[in-house]
C-alpha atoms as a PDB file:
ATOM      1  CA  MET A   1      -2.567 -39.477-229.654  1.00  0.00           C
ATOM      2  CA  LYS A   2      -0.072 -41.030-232.013  1.00  0.00           C
ATOM      3  CA  ASN A   3       2.852 -40.133-229.723  1.00  0.00           C
ATOM      4  CA  LYS A   4       1.274 -41.563-226.556  1.00  0.00           C
ATOM      5  CA  PRO A   5       3.111 -44.959-226.713  1.00  0.00           C
ATOM      6  CA  LEU A   6       6.398 -43.148-227.309  1.00  0.00           C
ATOM      7  CA  ILE A   7       5.857 -40.815-224.345  1.00  0.00           C
ATOM      8  CA  THR A   8       4.932 -43.766-222.126  1.00  0.00           C
ATOM      9  CA  LEU A   9       8.106 -45.592-223.191  1.00  0.00           C
ATOM     10  CA  LEU A  10      10.282 -42.544-222.435  1.00  0.00           C
ATOM     11  CA  ILE A  11       8.717 -42.154-218.974  1.00  0.00           C
ATOM     12  CA  LEU A  12       9.317 -45.858-218.246  1.00  0.00           C
ATOM     13  CA  ILE A  13      13.000 -45.576-219.288  1.00  0.00           C
ATOM     14  CA  LEU A  14      13.425 -42.501-217.055  1.00  0.00           C
ATOM     15  CA  ILE A  15      11.962 -44.354-214.041  1.00  0.00           C
ATOM     16  CA  ILE A  16      14.218 -47.388-214.609  1.00  0.00           C
ATOM     17  CA  ASN A  17      17.343 -45.195-214.887  1.00  0.00           C
ATOM     18  CA  THR A  18      16.410 -43.335-211.694  1.00  0.00           C
ATOM     19  CA  LEU A  19      15.985 -46.593-209.758  1.00  0.00           C
ATOM     20  CA  ALA A  20      19.247 -47.976-211.135  1.00  0.00           C
ATOM     21  CA  ILE A  21      21.179 -44.894-210.019  1.00  0.00           C
ATOM     22  CA  PHE A  22      19.564 -45.072-206.550  1.00  0.00           C
ATOM     23  CA  PHE A  23      20.573 -48.683-205.985  1.00  0.00           C
ATOM     24  CA  PHE A  24      24.049 -48.118-207.396  1.00  0.00           C
ATOM     25  CA  LEU A  25      24.710 -45.325-204.907  1.00  0.00           C
ATOM     26  CA  LYS A  26      23.362 -47.238-201.903  1.00  0.00           C
ATOM     27  CA  PRO A  27      26.267 -47.766-199.434  1.00  0.00           C
ATOM     28  CA  ASN A  28      27.191 -51.219-198.159  1.00  0.00           C
ATOM     29  CA  ILE A  29      27.443 -50.070-194.565  1.00  0.00           C
ATOM     30  CA  THR A  30      24.419 -48.036-193.568  1.00  0.00           C
ATOM     31  CA  GLY A  31      25.068 -44.412-192.742  1.00  0.00           C
ATOM     32  CA  ASN A  32      26.145 -41.363-194.674  1.00  0.00           C
ATOM     33  CA  THR A  33      28.477 -42.026-197.581  1.00  0.00           C
ATOM     34  CA  ILE A  34      30.843 -39.282-198.675  1.00  0.00           C
ATOM     35  CA  LEU A  35      32.800 -39.640-201.893  1.00  0.00           C
ATOM     36  CA  GLU A  36      36.292 -38.196-202.036  1.00  0.00           C
ATOM     37  CA  ASN A  37      35.551 -36.765-205.500  1.00  0.00           C
ATOM     38  CA  ASN A  38      32.107 -35.647-206.688  1.00  0.00           C
ATOM     39  CA  PHE A  39      30.420 -37.954-209.178  1.00  0.00           C
ATOM     40  CA  SER A  40      30.351 -36.833-212.783  1.00  0.00           C
ATOM     41  CA  GLU A  41      28.301 -38.549-215.495  1.00  0.00           C
ATOM     42  CA  GLU A  42      31.416 -40.480-216.451  1.00  0.00           C
ATOM     43  CA  THR A  43      31.889 -41.648-212.858  1.00  0.00           C
ATOM     44  CA  ILE A  44      28.336 -42.980-212.656  1.00  0.00           C
ATOM     45  CA  THR A  45      28.638 -44.989-215.859  1.00  0.00           C
ATOM     46  CA  THR A  46      32.168 -46.178-214.989  1.00  0.00           C
ATOM     47  CA  PRO A  47      32.115 -46.988-211.216  1.00  0.00           C
ATOM     48  CA  ILE A  48      35.580 -48.561-211.259  1.00  0.00           C
ATOM     49  CA  ILE A  49      37.215 -45.112-211.300  1.00  0.00           C
ATOM     50  CA  LYS A  50      35.957 -44.359-207.771  1.00  0.00           C
ATOM     51  CA  LYS A  51      39.157 -44.178-205.749  1.00  0.00           C
ATOM     52  CA  GLU A  52      37.892 -43.927-202.208  1.00  0.00           C
ATOM     53  CA  ILE A  53      34.699 -44.089-200.206  1.00  0.00           C
ATOM     54  CA  ILE A  54      34.411 -42.659-196.727  1.00  0.00           C
ATOM     55  CA  GLU A  55      31.461 -43.934-194.717  1.00  0.00           C
ATOM     56  CA  THR A  56      30.179 -42.797-191.358  1.00  0.00           C
ATOM     57  CA  GLY A  57      28.778 -45.130-188.744  1.00  0.00           C
ATOM     58  CA  PHE A  58      28.228 -45.844-185.059  1.00  0.00           C
ATOM     59  CA  VAL A  59      30.404 -48.385-183.228  1.00  0.00           C
ATOM     60  CA  SER A  60      28.133 -50.510-181.045  1.00  0.00           C
ATOM     61  CA  ARG A  61      30.513 -53.349-180.116  1.00  0.00           C
ATOM     62  CA  ILE A  62      34.206 -54.248-180.046  1.00  0.00           C
ATOM     63  CA  LYS A  63      34.641 -57.950-180.854  1.00  0.00           C
ATOM     64  CA  ASP A  64      38.426 -57.950-180.457  1.00  0.00           C
ATOM     65  CA  GLY A  65      41.373 -55.696-181.179  1.00  0.00           C
ATOM     66  CA  ASP A  66      40.824 -55.617-184.938  1.00  0.00           C
ATOM     67  CA  THR A  67      37.122 -56.398-185.502  1.00  0.00           C
ATOM     68  CA  VAL A  68      34.175 -54.167-184.553  1.00  0.00           C
ATOM     69  CA  ILE A  69      30.447 -53.834-185.184  1.00  0.00           C
ATOM     70  CA  VAL A  70      29.446 -50.663-187.059  1.00  0.00           C
ATOM     71  CA  ASN A  71      25.768 -50.079-187.844  1.00  0.00           C
ATOM     72  CA  GLY A  72      25.169 -53.785-187.296  1.00  0.00           C
ATOM     73  CA  GLU A  73      27.911 -54.913-189.712  1.00  0.00           C
ATOM     74  CA  ASN A  74      31.223 -56.663-189.004  1.00  0.00           C
ATOM     75  CA  VAL A  75      34.181 -54.436-189.862  1.00  0.00           C
ATOM     76  CA  ARG A  76      37.787 -55.696-189.961  1.00  0.00           C
ATOM     77  CA  LEU A  77      40.453 -53.033-189.455  1.00  0.00           C
ATOM     78  CA  LEU A  78      42.885 -52.880-192.370  1.00  0.00           C
ATOM     79  CA  GLY A  79      46.669 -52.807-192.292  1.00  0.00           C
ATOM     80  CA  MET A  80      47.114 -54.405-188.882  1.00  0.00           C
ATOM     81  CA  ASN A  81      46.450 -57.499-186.808  1.00  0.00           C
ATOM     82  CA  THR A  82      45.967 -58.056-183.073  1.00  0.00           C
ATOM     83  CA  ASP A  83      46.085 -61.139-180.844  1.00  0.00           C
ATOM     84  CA  GLU A  84      43.122 -63.513-180.738  1.00  0.00           C
ATOM     85  CA  ARG A  85      41.581 -64.724-177.488  1.00  0.00           C
ATOM     86  CA  GLY A  86      44.029 -66.833-175.492  1.00  0.00           C
ATOM     87  CA  TYR A  87      47.095 -64.894-176.639  1.00  0.00           C
ATOM     88  CA  PRO A  88      49.020 -62.384-174.483  1.00  0.00           C
ATOM     89  CA  CYS A  89      47.856 -59.058-175.956  1.00  0.00           C
ATOM     90  CA  TYR A  90      44.231 -59.931-176.750  1.00  0.00           C
ATOM     91  CA  LYS A  91      42.621 -58.221-173.762  1.00  0.00           C
ATOM     92  CA  GLU A  92      44.842 -55.140-173.827  1.00  0.00           C
ATOM     93  CA  ALA A  93      44.225 -54.487-177.537  1.00  0.00           C
ATOM     94  CA  LYS A  94      40.470 -55.009-177.212  1.00  0.00           C
ATOM     95  CA  THR A  95      40.236 -52.770-174.141  1.00  0.00           C
ATOM     96  CA  ARG A  96      42.224 -50.011-175.829  1.00  0.00           C
ATOM     97  CA  LEU A  97      39.998 -50.124-178.918  1.00  0.00           C
ATOM     98  CA  GLU A  98      36.931 -49.879-176.649  1.00  0.00           C
ATOM     99  CA  GLU A  99      38.430 -46.790-175.038  1.00  0.00           C
ATOM    100  CA  LEU A 100      39.061 -45.204-178.410  1.00  0.00           C
ATOM    101  CA  ILE A 101      35.882 -45.802-180.427  1.00  0.00           C
ATOM    102  CA  LEU A 102      33.128 -47.717-178.572  1.00  0.00           C
ATOM    103  CA  ASN A 103      29.755 -45.915-178.718  1.00  0.00           C
ATOM    104  CA  LYS A 104      31.174 -43.228-180.972  1.00  0.00           C
ATOM    105  CA  GLU A 105      30.447 -41.969-184.479  1.00  0.00           C
ATOM    106  CA  ILE A 106      33.405 -42.735-186.715  1.00  0.00           C
ATOM    107  CA  GLN A 107      34.473 -42.596-190.352  1.00  0.00           C
ATOM    108  CA  LEU A 108      35.507 -45.644-192.350  1.00  0.00           C
ATOM    109  CA  GLU A 109      37.854 -45.558-195.347  1.00  0.00           C
ATOM    110  CA  SER A 110      37.940 -48.311-197.929  1.00  0.00           C
ATOM    111  CA  ASP A 111      41.093 -49.442-199.715  1.00  0.00           C
ATOM    112  CA  GLY A 112      41.005 -52.161-202.356  1.00  0.00           C
ATOM    113  CA  GLU A 113      38.846 -55.170-201.448  1.00  0.00           C
ATOM    114  CA  ASP A 114      35.444 -54.363-199.938  1.00  0.00           C
ATOM    115  CA  LYS A 115      35.095 -57.576-197.880  1.00  0.00           C
ATOM    116  CA  ASP A 116      37.251 -60.497-196.777  1.00  0.00           C
ATOM    117  CA  GLN A 117      36.352 -64.178-197.115  1.00  0.00           C
ATOM    118  CA  TYR A 118      34.490 -64.032-193.802  1.00  0.00           C
ATOM    119  CA  GLN A 119      32.239 -61.271-195.248  1.00  0.00           C
ATOM    120  CA  ARG A 120      33.660 -58.591-192.967  1.00  0.00           C
ATOM    121  CA  TYR A 121      33.992 -55.088-194.389  1.00  0.00           C
ATOM    122  CA  LEU A 122      37.654 -54.068-194.709  1.00  0.00           C
ATOM    123  CA  ARG A 123      38.175 -50.494-193.539  1.00  0.00           C
ATOM    124  CA  TYR A 124      40.457 -47.965-191.889  1.00  0.00           C
ATOM    125  CA  ILE A 125      38.733 -46.276-188.956  1.00  0.00           C
ATOM    126  CA  ILE A 126      39.130 -42.523-188.521  1.00  0.00           C
ATOM    127  CA  LEU A 127      38.047 -40.576-185.426  1.00  0.00           C
ATOM    128  CA  ASP A 128      38.765 -36.861-184.993  1.00  0.00           C
ATOM    129  CA  LYS A 129      41.208 -37.086-187.928  1.00  0.00           C
ATOM    130  CA  GLN A 130      43.175 -39.841-186.150  1.00  0.00           C
ATOM    131  CA  ASN A 131      43.787 -43.140-187.946  1.00  0.00           C
ATOM    132  CA  ILE A 132      42.840 -45.687-185.261  1.00  0.00           C
ATOM    133  CA  ASN A 133      44.447 -48.605-187.143  1.00  0.00           C
ATOM    134  CA  LEU A 134      47.728 -46.709-187.201  1.00  0.00           C
ATOM    135  CA  GLN A 135      47.399 -45.684-183.557  1.00  0.00           C
ATOM    136  CA  LEU A 136      47.116 -49.291-182.331  1.00  0.00           C
ATOM    137  CA  VAL A 137      50.329 -50.152-184.183  1.00  0.00           C
ATOM    138  CA  GLN A 138      52.040 -47.030-182.795  1.00  0.00           C
ATOM    139  CA  GLU A 139      51.083 -48.090-179.267  1.00  0.00           C
ATOM    140  CA  GLY A 140      52.511 -51.574-179.741  1.00  0.00           C
ATOM    141  CA  LEU A 141      49.158 -53.360-179.526  1.00  0.00           C
ATOM    142  CA  ALA A 142      49.042 -54.545-183.143  1.00  0.00           C
ATOM    143  CA  ILE A 143      51.415 -55.683-185.859  1.00  0.00           C
ATOM    144  CA  ALA A 144      51.356 -54.458-189.460  1.00  0.00           C
ATOM    145  CA  MET A 145      49.605 -56.799-191.890  1.00  0.00           C
ATOM    146  CA  PHE A 146      48.456 -56.040-195.427  1.00  0.00           C
ATOM    147  CA  PHE A 147      46.533 -57.490-198.305  1.00  0.00           C
ATOM    148  CA  PRO A 148      48.522 -57.001-201.544  1.00  0.00           C
ATOM    149  CA  GLU A 149      46.063 -54.376-202.811  1.00  0.00           C
ATOM    150  CA  ASN A 150      46.124 -52.251-199.642  1.00  0.00           C
ATOM    151  CA  GLN A 151      48.628 -49.434-200.023  1.00  0.00           C
ATOM    152  CA  LYS A 152      46.974 -46.306-198.607  1.00  0.00           C
ATOM    153  CA  TYR A 153      48.640 -46.164-195.166  1.00  0.00           C
ATOM    154  CA  LYS A 154      51.209 -48.907-195.664  1.00  0.00           C
ATOM    155  CA  THR A 155      54.285 -46.696-195.307  1.00  0.00           C
ATOM    156  CA  GLU A 156      53.023 -45.031-192.124  1.00  0.00           C
ATOM    157  CA  ILE A 157      51.944 -48.296-190.486  1.00  0.00           C
ATOM    158  CA  LEU A 158      55.184 -50.127-191.301  1.00  0.00           C
ATOM    159  CA  GLU A 159      57.199 -47.215-189.914  1.00  0.00           C
ATOM    160  CA  ALA A 160      55.031 -47.157-186.768  1.00  0.00           C
ATOM    161  CA  GLU A 161      55.622 -50.876-186.210  1.00  0.00           C
ATOM    162  CA  LYS A 162      59.358 -50.480-186.729  1.00  0.00           C
ATOM    163  CA  ASN A 163      59.472 -47.697-184.139  1.00  0.00           C
ATOM    164  CA  ALA A 164      57.365 -49.649-181.618  1.00  0.00           C
ATOM    165  CA  ARG A 165      59.477 -52.774-182.084  1.00  0.00           C
ATOM    166  CA  GLU A 166      62.844 -51.006-181.790  1.00  0.00           C
ATOM    167  CA  ASN A 167      61.741 -49.071-178.700  1.00  0.00           C
ATOM    168  CA  LYS A 168      59.859 -52.042-177.154  1.00  0.00           C
ATOM    169  CA  ILE A 169      56.596 -50.097-176.981  1.00  0.00           C
ATOM    170  CA  GLY A 170      53.387 -51.787-175.879  1.00  0.00           C
ATOM    171  CA  CYS A 171      52.303 -55.341-175.181  1.00  0.00           C
ATOM    172  CA  LYS A 172      53.467 -56.765-178.521  1.00  0.00           C
ATOM    173  CA  TRP A 173      57.087 -55.751-178.100  1.00  0.00           C
ATOM    174  CA  LYS A 174      58.031 -54.914-174.520  1.00  0.00           C
ATOM    175  CA  ASN A 175      58.498 -58.520-173.348  1.00  0.00           C
ATOM    176  CA  LEU A 176      59.544 -60.241-176.539  1.00  0.00           C
ATOM    177  CA  GLU A 177      63.037 -61.499-177.216  1.00  0.00           C
ATOM    178  CA  ASP A 178      64.630 -60.131-180.357  1.00  0.00           C
ATOM    179  CA  ASN A 179      64.698 -63.532-182.038  1.00  0.00           C
ATOM    180  CA  ASN A 180      60.903 -63.833-181.721  1.00  0.00           C
ATOM    181  CA  GLN A 181      60.277 -60.548-183.507  1.00  0.00           C
ATOM    182  CA  PRO A 182      59.854 -60.075-187.251  1.00  0.00           C
ATOM    183  CA  ASN A 183      63.265 -59.694-188.876  1.00  0.00           C
ATOM    184  CA  ASN A 184      62.175 -56.912-191.210  1.00  0.00           C
ATOM    185  CA  GLN A 185      59.150 -55.113-192.576  1.00  0.00           C
ATOM    186  CA  GLU A 186      58.607 -57.636-195.338  1.00  0.00           C
ATOM    187  CA  ASP A 187      57.858 -60.337-192.727  1.00  0.00           C
ATOM    188  CA  ASN A 188      54.437 -58.732-192.297  1.00  0.00           C
ATOM    189  CA  ASN A 189      53.496 -59.192-195.949  1.00  0.00           C
ATOM    190  CA  PHE A 190      54.598 -62.783-196.543  1.00  0.00           C
ATOM    191  CA  PRO A 191      54.694 -65.965-194.457  1.00  0.00           C
ATOM    192  CA  ILE A 192      57.921 -66.899-192.720  1.00  0.00           C
ATOM    193  CA  GLN A 193      59.607 -69.521-194.901  1.00  0.00           C
ATOM    194  CA  GLU A 194      61.382 -72.453-193.321  1.00  0.00           C
ATOM    195  CA  GLU A 195      64.471 -74.154-194.736  1.00  0.00           C
ATOM    196  CA  THR A 196      62.545 -77.319-195.522  1.00  0.00           C
ATOM    197  CA  GLN A 197      63.006 -79.646-198.469  1.00  0.00           C
ATOM    198  CA  GLU A 198      60.059 -79.574-200.861  1.00  0.00           C
ATOM    199  CA  PRO A 199      58.233 -81.860-201.288  1.00  0.00           C
ATOM    200  CA  ILE A 200      58.549 -83.742-197.987  1.00  0.00           C
ATOM    201  CA  ASP A 201      57.428 -87.021-199.514  1.00  0.00           C
ATOM    202  CA  PRO A 202      58.129 -87.241-203.281  1.00  0.00           C
ATOM    203  CA  ASP A 203      55.864 -90.269-203.628  1.00  0.00           C
ATOM    204  CA  SER A 204      52.806 -88.468-202.263  1.00  0.00           C
ATOM    205  CA  ASN A 205      53.806 -84.909-203.308  1.00  0.00           C
ATOM    206  CA  THR A 206      53.293 -83.711-199.748  1.00  0.00           C
ATOM    207  CA  ILE A 207      54.383 -80.059-199.335  1.00  0.00           C
ATOM    208  CA  HIS A 208      55.702 -78.526-196.131  1.00  0.00           C
ATOM    209  CA  VAL A 209      53.197 -76.010-194.743  1.00  0.00           C
ATOM    210  CA  CYS A 210      55.711 -73.143-194.930  1.00  0.00           C
ATOM    211  CA  ASN A 211      56.227 -73.696-198.655  1.00  0.00           C
ATOM    212  CA  THR A 212      52.596 -73.439-199.760  1.00  0.00           C
ATOM    213  CA  GLN A 213      52.372 -69.793-200.784  1.00  0.00           C
ATOM    214  CA  LYS A 214      52.823 -70.522-204.482  1.00  0.00           C
ATOM    215  CA  TYR A 215      49.972 -73.066-204.491  1.00  0.00           C
ATOM    216  CA  TYR A 216      47.043 -70.655-203.975  1.00  0.00           C
ATOM    217  CA  GLY A 217      43.873 -72.051-205.519  1.00  0.00           C
ATOM    218  CA  GLN A 218      45.245 -75.595-205.798  1.00  0.00           C
ATOM    219  CA  GLU A 219      44.207 -78.808-204.019  1.00  0.00           C
ATOM    220  CA  ILE A 220      47.332 -80.243-202.364  1.00  0.00           C
ATOM    221  CA  THR A 221      48.477 -82.187-199.310  1.00  0.00           C
ATOM    222  CA  VAL A 222      50.607 -80.327-196.760  1.00  0.00           C
ATOM    223  CA  GLN A 223      52.460 -81.359-193.621  1.00  0.00           C
ATOM    224  CA  GLY A 224      53.767 -79.498-190.582  1.00  0.00           C
ATOM    225  CA  LYS A 225      53.825 -79.251-186.795  1.00  0.00           C
ATOM    226  CA  VAL A 226      51.008 -77.471-184.967  1.00  0.00           C
ATOM    227  CA  SER A 227      52.248 -74.557-182.850  1.00  0.00           C
ATOM    228  CA  GLY A 228      48.909 -73.608-181.353  1.00  0.00           C
ATOM    229  CA  VAL A 229      45.148 -74.182-181.446  1.00  0.00           C
ATOM    230  CA  PHE A 230      42.582 -71.631-180.370  1.00  0.00           C
ATOM    231  CA  LYS A 231      38.863 -70.868-180.744  1.00  0.00           C
ATOM    232  CA  SER A 232      37.582 -67.349-181.429  1.00  0.00           C
ATOM    233  CA  ASP A 233      34.500 -65.593-180.028  1.00  0.00           C
ATOM    234  CA  THR A 234      32.551 -66.853-183.041  1.00  0.00           C
ATOM    235  CA  ASN A 235      33.654 -70.464-182.335  1.00  0.00           C
ATOM    236  CA  THR A 236      35.918 -70.546-185.366  1.00  0.00           C
ATOM    237  CA  VAL A 237      38.977 -72.720-184.687  1.00  0.00           C
ATOM    238  CA  PHE A 238      42.420 -71.692-185.939  1.00  0.00           C
ATOM    239  CA  ILE A 239      45.201 -74.297-186.062  1.00  0.00           C
ATOM    240  CA  ASN A 240      48.548 -72.543-186.525  1.00  0.00           C
ATOM    241  CA  PHE A 241      51.697 -74.243-187.767  1.00  0.00           C
ATOM    242  CA  GLU A 242      55.458 -74.130-187.066  1.00  0.00           C
ATOM    243  CA  LYS A 243      55.605 -70.817-185.132  1.00  0.00           C
ATOM    244  CA  PRO A 244      53.242 -69.255-182.579  1.00  0.00           C
ATOM    245  CA  TYR A 245      50.706 -66.702-183.736  1.00  0.00           C
ATOM    246  CA  PRO A 246      51.194 -64.136-185.285  1.00  0.00           C
ATOM    247  CA  ASN A 247      54.375 -65.583-186.857  1.00  0.00           C
ATOM    248  CA  GLN A 248      52.750 -68.818-188.055  1.00  0.00           C
ATOM    249  CA  CYS A 249      53.472 -69.713-191.684  1.00  0.00           C
ATOM    250  CA  PHE A 250      50.214 -71.601-192.248  1.00  0.00           C
ATOM    251  CA  THR A 251      46.768 -71.987-190.666  1.00  0.00           C
ATOM    252  CA  ALA A 252      44.027 -74.592-190.897  1.00  0.00           C
ATOM    253  CA  VAL A 253      40.575 -73.138-190.200  1.00  0.00           C
ATOM    254  CA  ILE A 254      37.429 -74.864-188.922  1.00  0.00           C
ATOM    255  CA  PHE A 255      34.266 -72.749-189.031  1.00  0.00           C
ATOM    256  CA  SER A 256      31.779 -73.061-186.181  1.00  0.00           C
ATOM    257  CA  SER A 257      29.141 -74.714-188.389  1.00  0.00           C
ATOM    258  CA  LEU A 258      31.563 -77.593-189.061  1.00  0.00           C
ATOM    259  CA  LEU A 259      33.093 -77.894-185.606  1.00  0.00           C
ATOM    260  CA  THR A 260      31.051 -80.996-184.765  1.00  0.00           C
ATOM    261  CA  ASN A 261      33.019 -82.812-187.473  1.00  0.00           C
ATOM    262  CA  PHE A 262      36.180 -82.319-185.397  1.00  0.00           C
ATOM    263  CA  PRO A 263      35.267 -83.207-181.772  1.00  0.00           C
ATOM    264  CA  ASN A 264      38.933 -83.712-180.805  1.00  0.00           C
ATOM    265  CA  TYR A 265      40.464 -80.686-182.528  1.00  0.00           C
ATOM    266  CA  GLU A 266      42.300 -79.634-179.339  1.00  0.00           C
ATOM    267  CA  ALA A 267      44.335 -82.851-179.516  1.00  0.00           C
ATOM    268  CA  TYR A 268      46.011 -81.532-182.685  1.00  0.00           C
ATOM    269  CA  ASN A 269      48.102 -79.107-180.616  1.00  0.00           C
ATOM    270  CA  GLY A 270      51.786 -80.041-180.756  1.00  0.00           C
ATOM    271  CA  LYS A 271      51.182 -82.815-183.301  1.00  0.00           C
ATOM    272  CA  THR A 272      52.552 -83.168-186.809  1.00  0.00           C
ATOM    273  CA  LEU A 273      49.616 -83.180-189.193  1.00  0.00           C
ATOM    274  CA  LYS A 274      49.108 -83.994-192.838  1.00  0.00           C
ATOM    275  CA  ILE A 275      46.231 -81.955-194.302  1.00  0.00           C
ATOM    276  CA  THR A 276      44.604 -82.118-197.717  1.00  0.00           C
ATOM    277  CA  GLY A 277      42.587 -79.260-199.174  1.00  0.00           C
ATOM    278  CA  LYS A 278      42.497 -76.123-201.295  1.00  0.00           C
ATOM    279  CA  ILE A 279      45.113 -73.474-200.458  1.00  0.00           C
ATOM    280  CA  GLU A 280      43.431 -70.124-199.764  1.00  0.00           C
ATOM    281  CA  GLU A 281      45.034 -66.767-198.963  1.00  0.00           C
ATOM    282  CA  TYR A 282      44.057 -64.682-195.958  1.00  0.00           C
ATOM    283  CA  ASN A 283      45.970 -61.619-194.752  1.00  0.00           C
ATOM    284  CA  GLY A 284      48.863 -62.597-196.989  1.00  0.00           C
ATOM    285  CA  LYS A 285      49.257 -66.077-195.515  1.00  0.00           C
ATOM    286  CA  PRO A 286      48.145 -69.507-196.774  1.00  0.00           C
ATOM    287  CA  GLU A 287      45.390 -71.533-195.127  1.00  0.00           C
ATOM    288  CA  ILE A 288      43.136 -74.515-195.735  1.00  0.00           C
ATOM    289  CA  ILE A 289      39.480 -74.580-194.689  1.00  0.00           C
ATOM    290  CA  LEU A 290      38.727 -77.912-192.991  1.00  0.00           C
ATOM    291  CA  LYS A 291      35.295 -79.394-193.587  1.00  0.00           C
ATOM    292  CA  HIS A 292      35.738 -83.135-192.968  1.00  0.00           C
ATOM    293  CA  LYS A 293      37.918 -85.016-190.494  1.00  0.00           C
ATOM    294  CA  GLU A 294      39.176 -87.147-193.376  1.00  0.00           C
ATOM    295  CA  GLN A 295      41.195 -84.104-194.493  1.00  0.00           C
ATOM    296  CA  VAL A 296      43.431 -84.457-191.429  1.00  0.00           C
ATOM    297  CA  GLU A 297      45.924 -87.210-190.645  1.00  0.00           C
ATOM    298  CA  VAL A 298      48.069 -87.232-187.499  1.00  0.00           C
ATOM    299  CA  VAL A 299      51.532 -88.452-188.514  1.00  0.00           C
ATOM    300  CA  GLY A 300      53.588 -87.615-185.452  1.00  0.00           C
END
């Protein structure tokens, strides 16, 4: 048949298109994926117009107050932040989250970025029409914290934090002095800035750690006093500067795979350090990832 090659080509194109559509629709987190709006042909060919994805999944483990395991994947709760291990409200926030969602089927809502730099999915968790992220802030177990692109529940979460703070609700607020609390809602979107001359050392162009927000993506040297050092469940070390967590203005991070390069990291606590590295942004605050001990100099 003269048309046989043409028919074979058309069948091959149809199979390729079918496979492409299948892989495009495959959800990142396993489970049922429900789109807020039905796909049209235009939506399939232009995926950027998808506004929201709601995924379903089973919560098998609570790692801490803002990170859980859903269908075997790490999920970071959006719009809020809870204490890490070693800080006052860590256990209470984790226990409350276990009470709310552990071993339950939940929904997850995306908003902006799909994953953070630690490859955790960024989601709001919904159970029985209740926003769990919002609930933890309402109960005074979490503070509001946003990526710039996350806007979906920002108004509600900021208002919930304001109410919890003013009425001293929950672990985060009931025992804190007023001068240790955020001064206003904007404090949860940007680092606390210190009245520090910049640069500290004009000859070396050393920048104070609280003045590094405008240097994202740049290799610079920074200096500041360590306010706390702690290690997470995953053996990642966080070195906070100038004010105790969660009001630190800067953090140096050592991942577990590189921890052997810093055998005396605990000795950094309370010291003034000079650190050299690339300024990254995480949860609206600047940080440097430490890989080699040569990046760190104790100056006081």
